[in-house]
Amino acid sequence: HLIFNPQQQPVGFSMARVPQAVGLPRLFTNDFCQRHQIDPAQKLTLLTRMMETIQFIHDHACLMVDGNEMNYLVSEQDWQTPYFIDVDSYQTTHFPATALMPSIKDYHSSTLSPLTDWFAFAIAACQLLVGSHPFKGKHPNFKKHDLAARMQANVSIFNPNVSVPAATRDFRVIPPPLKDWFIALFEQGDRCLPPVFTGAGISHRLHLSATPTLHSTAQLDIKPLQQYP
């Protein structure tokens, strides 16, 4: 809700208090998940709801920009309800973003866009599912902890020459279409929308199944890019 001063000028906003929630990074660790019996299905539901909220943000002409893992809280009641915090740093049409954590920065994009938000989300999603940042681990051609160089070179934990941290979970916990998306982003430098979850599975990319067929007109020039069954 907006907060107004006596002259009816907007001076801020209020938000609901988040009860019984923890930071998303707590769910990255094996010990925490085992102690609270958080399973992969709950994490997939959590990711689905995060994706829905990110899409809602984009649909309203805003960007998260700094969507790092510490800007999310997770409900302790079901481990499936996300809360987005630090929203005062989001970019709007009249307010440029001023913060961006290097660990989620898209070094292949010179501008901010929904796709750079999805890149940041993919990094958080990868950490949630396997417990490791996608550009952690060791590679013989890179210095330890040199995330920027690895991100610029597209050398991720999915590269066969990278040795992953010991606590990294088996990649089989990642649904195949989501793993393909991770590889496209982190290994191939591709930038595309994520697949959409349906329960524990994944059906299609965002906005494709419900979008009606469009035809070129005097106002619109429609060019098909890809076709999906």
Protein backbone atom coordinates (compact mmCIF):
# COMPACT_ATOMS: atom_id res chain seq x y z
CA HIS A 1 0.00 0.00 0.00
CA LEU A 2 1.21 3.50 -0.79
CA ILE A 3 1.97 5.90 2.06
CA PHE A 4 1.08 9.57 1.54
CA ASN A 5 2.12 12.69 3.45
CA PRO A 6 -0.45 15.34 4.55
CA GLN A 7 -0.11 16.97 1.13
CA GLN A 8 -1.19 13.66 -0.48
CA GLN A 9 2.21 13.12 -2.06
CA PRO A 10 3.44 9.48 -2.14
CA VAL A 11 6.41 9.14 0.22
CA GLY A 12 6.75 5.36 0.52
CA PHE A 13 4.90 2.08 0.78
CA SER A 14 4.05 -0.55 3.36
CA MET A 15 4.37 -4.32 3.08
CA ALA A 16 2.99 -7.25 5.03
CA ARG A 17 5.23 -8.79 7.67
CA VAL A 18 6.60 -12.20 6.66
CA PRO A 19 6.03 -14.69 9.50
CA GLN A 20 8.16 -17.80 10.07
CA ALA A 21 10.40 -17.63 7.03
CA VAL A 22 14.07 -18.30 6.28
CA GLY A 23 16.40 -17.08 3.58
CA LEU A 24 16.44 -19.17 0.40
CA PRO A 25 20.16 -20.07 0.78
CA ARG A 26 19.30 -22.17 3.86
CA LEU A 27 17.62 -24.63 1.49
CA PHE A 28 20.81 -25.01 -0.55
CA THR A 29 22.48 -27.17 2.14
CA ASN A 30 21.98 -30.90 2.56
CA ASP A 31 21.92 -30.77 6.36
CA PHE A 32 19.13 -28.19 6.50
CA CYS A 33 16.97 -30.04 3.96
CA GLN A 34 17.45 -33.36 5.73
CA ARG A 35 16.70 -31.86 9.14
CA HIS A 36 13.43 -30.34 7.91
CA GLN A 37 12.57 -33.15 5.47
CA ILE A 38 12.45 -30.86 2.45
CA ASP A 39 12.23 -33.01 -0.68
CA PRO A 40 12.86 -32.22 -4.37
CA ALA A 41 9.12 -32.05 -5.13
CA GLN A 42 8.68 -29.22 -2.62
CA LYS A 43 11.59 -27.39 -4.21
CA LEU A 44 10.05 -27.71 -7.66
CA THR A 45 6.79 -26.25 -6.36
CA LEU A 46 8.76 -23.42 -4.77
CA LEU A 47 10.51 -22.72 -8.07
CA THR A 48 7.19 -22.77 -9.91
CA ARG A 49 5.79 -20.08 -7.62
CA MET A 50 8.95 -18.02 -7.94
CA MET A 51 8.64 -18.19 -11.72
CA GLU A 52 5.01 -17.10 -11.56
CA THR A 53 5.93 -14.07 -9.47
CA ILE A 54 8.84 -13.11 -11.73
CA GLN A 55 6.53 -13.32 -14.74
CA PHE A 56 4.01 -11.12 -12.87
CA ILE A 57 6.78 -8.55 -12.27
CA HIS A 58 7.70 -8.55 -15.96
CA ASP A 59 4.06 -8.30 -17.01
CA HIS A 60 3.91 -5.01 -15.10
CA ALA A 61 6.89 -3.45 -16.90
CA CYS A 62 9.34 -3.96 -14.02
CA LEU A 63 12.64 -5.80 -13.66
CA MET A 64 14.11 -7.38 -10.54
CA VAL A 65 17.67 -6.83 -11.82
CA ASP A 66 19.39 -7.99 -8.60
CA GLY A 67 17.51 -11.25 -8.17
CA ASN A 68 20.22 -12.91 -6.12
CA GLU A 69 19.41 -15.75 -3.73
CA MET A 70 19.42 -13.51 -0.64
CA ASN A 71 16.46 -11.53 -1.95
CA TYR A 72 14.06 -14.42 -1.37
CA LEU A 73 12.49 -15.78 1.80
CA VAL A 74 10.78 -19.18 2.08
CA SER A 75 7.87 -20.02 4.39
CA GLU A 76 8.76 -22.48 7.16
CA GLN A 77 5.16 -23.71 7.17
CA ASP A 78 5.31 -25.52 3.82
CA TRP A 79 8.77 -24.77 2.33
CA GLN A 80 6.96 -24.03 -0.93
CA THR A 81 5.85 -20.40 -0.56
CA PRO A 82 8.38 -17.74 -1.64
CA TYR A 83 8.50 -14.13 -0.52
CA PHE A 84 10.33 -11.54 -2.61
CA ILE A 85 12.20 -8.88 -0.62
CA ASP A 86 14.27 -5.78 -1.49
CA VAL A 87 11.63 -4.81 -4.01
CA ASP A 88 12.56 -1.16 -3.57
CA SER A 89 15.59 -1.86 -5.76
CA TYR A 90 13.54 -3.15 -8.72
CA GLN A 91 13.81 -1.23 -11.97
CA THR A 92 10.70 0.54 -13.29
CA THR A 93 10.14 2.75 -16.31
CA HIS A 94 10.99 5.79 -14.15
CA PHE A 95 13.49 4.29 -11.69
CA PRO A 96 16.76 2.71 -12.86
CA ALA A 97 18.21 -0.11 -10.79
CA THR A 98 21.47 0.65 -8.97
CA ALA A 99 22.39 -2.76 -7.47
CA LEU A 100 23.53 -6.00 -9.08
CA MET A 101 25.44 -8.76 -7.29
CA PRO A 102 28.35 -10.01 -9.45
CA SER A 103 27.47 -13.68 -8.80
CA ILE A 104 24.22 -13.38 -10.78
CA LYS A 105 25.33 -10.81 -13.34
CA ASP A 106 24.87 -11.74 -17.00
CA TYR A 107 28.26 -10.89 -18.48
CA HIS A 108 26.96 -11.62 -21.97
CA SER A 109 24.28 -8.90 -21.84
CA SER A 110 25.09 -5.21 -22.08
CA THR A 111 21.53 -4.19 -21.13
CA LEU A 112 19.03 -5.25 -18.48
CA SER A 113 15.96 -7.18 -19.62
CA PRO A 114 13.58 -9.94 -18.55
CA LEU A 115 16.15 -12.42 -19.88
CA THR A 116 18.83 -11.11 -17.48
CA ASP A 117 16.29 -11.61 -14.67
CA TRP A 118 15.73 -15.19 -15.82
CA PHE A 119 19.48 -15.76 -15.91
CA ALA A 120 19.69 -14.67 -12.26
CA PHE A 121 16.75 -16.92 -11.41
CA ALA A 122 18.45 -19.86 -13.12
CA ILE A 123 21.49 -19.43 -10.88
CA ALA A 124 19.31 -19.43 -7.76
CA ALA A 125 17.31 -22.42 -9.06
CA CYS A 126 20.48 -24.40 -9.76
CA GLN A 127 21.75 -23.73 -6.25
CA LEU A 128 18.42 -24.78 -4.75
CA LEU A 129 18.33 -28.09 -6.64
CA VAL A 130 21.95 -29.23 -6.53
CA GLY A 131 23.43 -27.11 -3.73
CA SER A 132 26.09 -25.39 -5.82
CA HIS A 133 26.43 -22.16 -7.77
CA PRO A 134 26.60 -23.19 -11.45
CA PHE A 135 30.05 -21.63 -11.82
CA LYS A 136 31.64 -23.02 -8.66
CA GLY A 137 33.96 -26.01 -8.58
CA LYS A 138 37.41 -26.28 -10.14
CA HIS A 139 38.61 -26.18 -13.74
CA PRO A 140 42.30 -26.51 -14.69
CA ASN A 141 42.22 -23.38 -16.86
CA PHE A 142 40.72 -21.02 -14.28
CA LYS A 143 41.74 -19.69 -10.91
CA LYS A 144 39.78 -20.80 -7.88
CA HIS A 145 36.70 -18.66 -7.13
CA ASP A 146 37.04 -16.72 -10.40
CA LEU A 147 33.32 -16.71 -11.12
CA ALA A 148 33.44 -13.80 -13.55
CA ALA A 149 35.96 -15.49 -15.85
CA ARG A 150 34.06 -18.76 -15.79
CA MET A 151 30.76 -17.02 -16.49
CA GLN A 152 32.26 -15.09 -19.39
CA ALA A 153 33.73 -18.31 -20.83
CA ASN A 154 30.56 -20.41 -20.27
CA VAL A 155 32.36 -23.02 -18.18
CA SER A 156 29.90 -24.28 -15.61
CA ILE A 157 29.49 -27.29 -13.32
CA PHE A 158 27.92 -29.06 -16.32
CA ASN A 159 31.28 -28.97 -18.11
CA PRO A 160 32.95 -32.42 -17.98
CA ASN A 161 36.29 -30.84 -17.01
CA VAL A 162 34.90 -29.16 -13.90
CA SER A 163 35.16 -30.95 -10.57
CA VAL A 164 32.16 -29.96 -8.43
CA PRO A 165 32.17 -29.31 -4.66
CA ALA A 166 31.73 -32.42 -2.54
CA ALA A 167 28.33 -31.36 -1.23
CA THR A 168 26.87 -30.99 -4.72
CA ARG A 169 23.83 -33.20 -5.19
CA ASP A 170 23.36 -35.59 -8.10
CA PHE A 171 22.27 -33.76 -11.26
CA ARG A 172 19.51 -36.34 -11.68
CA VAL A 173 17.40 -34.31 -9.22
CA ILE A 174 17.02 -31.71 -12.00
CA PRO A 175 14.08 -32.40 -14.35
CA PRO A 176 15.53 -33.00 -17.84
CA PRO A 177 13.97 -29.94 -19.56
CA LEU A 178 15.21 -27.72 -16.73
CA LYS A 179 18.68 -29.25 -16.96
CA ASP A 180 18.65 -28.59 -20.70
CA TRP A 181 17.79 -24.96 -19.96
CA PHE A 182 20.64 -24.70 -17.47
CA ILE A 183 23.09 -26.10 -20.02
CA ALA A 184 21.79 -23.74 -22.73
CA LEU A 185 22.33 -20.76 -20.42
CA PHE A 186 25.51 -21.71 -18.59
CA GLU A 187 27.38 -23.73 -21.20
CA GLN A 188 26.15 -22.40 -24.54
CA GLY A 189 25.53 -18.76 -23.68
CA ASP A 190 21.94 -18.97 -24.91
CA ARG A 191 19.33 -16.62 -23.47
CA CYS A 192 15.76 -17.90 -23.48
CA LEU A 193 12.72 -18.25 -21.26
CA PRO A 194 12.63 -21.13 -18.78
CA PRO A 195 10.44 -24.20 -19.19
CA VAL A 196 7.20 -24.21 -17.24
CA PHE A 197 6.54 -26.70 -14.44
CA THR A 198 3.38 -28.78 -14.13
CA GLY A 199 3.61 -30.54 -10.80
CA ALA A 200 6.89 -32.43 -10.71
CA GLY A 201 7.23 -32.25 -14.49
CA ILE A 202 7.63 -29.53 -17.09
CA SER A 203 5.37 -28.89 -20.02
CA HIS A 204 6.24 -25.89 -22.18
CA ARG A 205 7.92 -22.53 -22.21
CA LEU A 206 6.29 -19.44 -20.76
CA HIS A 207 3.31 -17.97 -22.61
CA LEU A 208 3.39 -20.49 -25.48
CA SER A 209 0.53 -22.91 -24.77
CA ALA A 210 -2.13 -20.27 -24.09
CA THR A 211 -1.05 -17.80 -26.80
CA PRO A 212 -3.49 -17.62 -29.77
CA THR A 213 -2.19 -17.75 -33.33
CA LEU A 214 -1.26 -14.27 -34.53
CA HIS A 215 -1.07 -13.08 -38.11
CA SER A 216 0.81 -10.17 -39.62
CA THR A 217 -1.16 -6.97 -40.09
CA ALA A 218 -0.41 -3.36 -40.95
CA GLN A 219 0.48 -2.82 -37.31
CA LEU A 220 2.19 -6.13 -36.52
CA ASP A 221 4.91 -8.04 -38.30
CA ILE A 222 4.72 -11.64 -37.01
CA LYS A 223 7.77 -13.84 -37.63
CA PRO A 224 7.67 -17.46 -36.36
CA LEU A 225 10.87 -18.38 -34.54
CA GLN A 226 10.30 -21.95 -33.31
CA GLN A 227 7.55 -24.53 -33.30
CA TYR A 228 6.58 -26.76 -30.36
CA PRO A 229 4.32 -29.86 -30.32
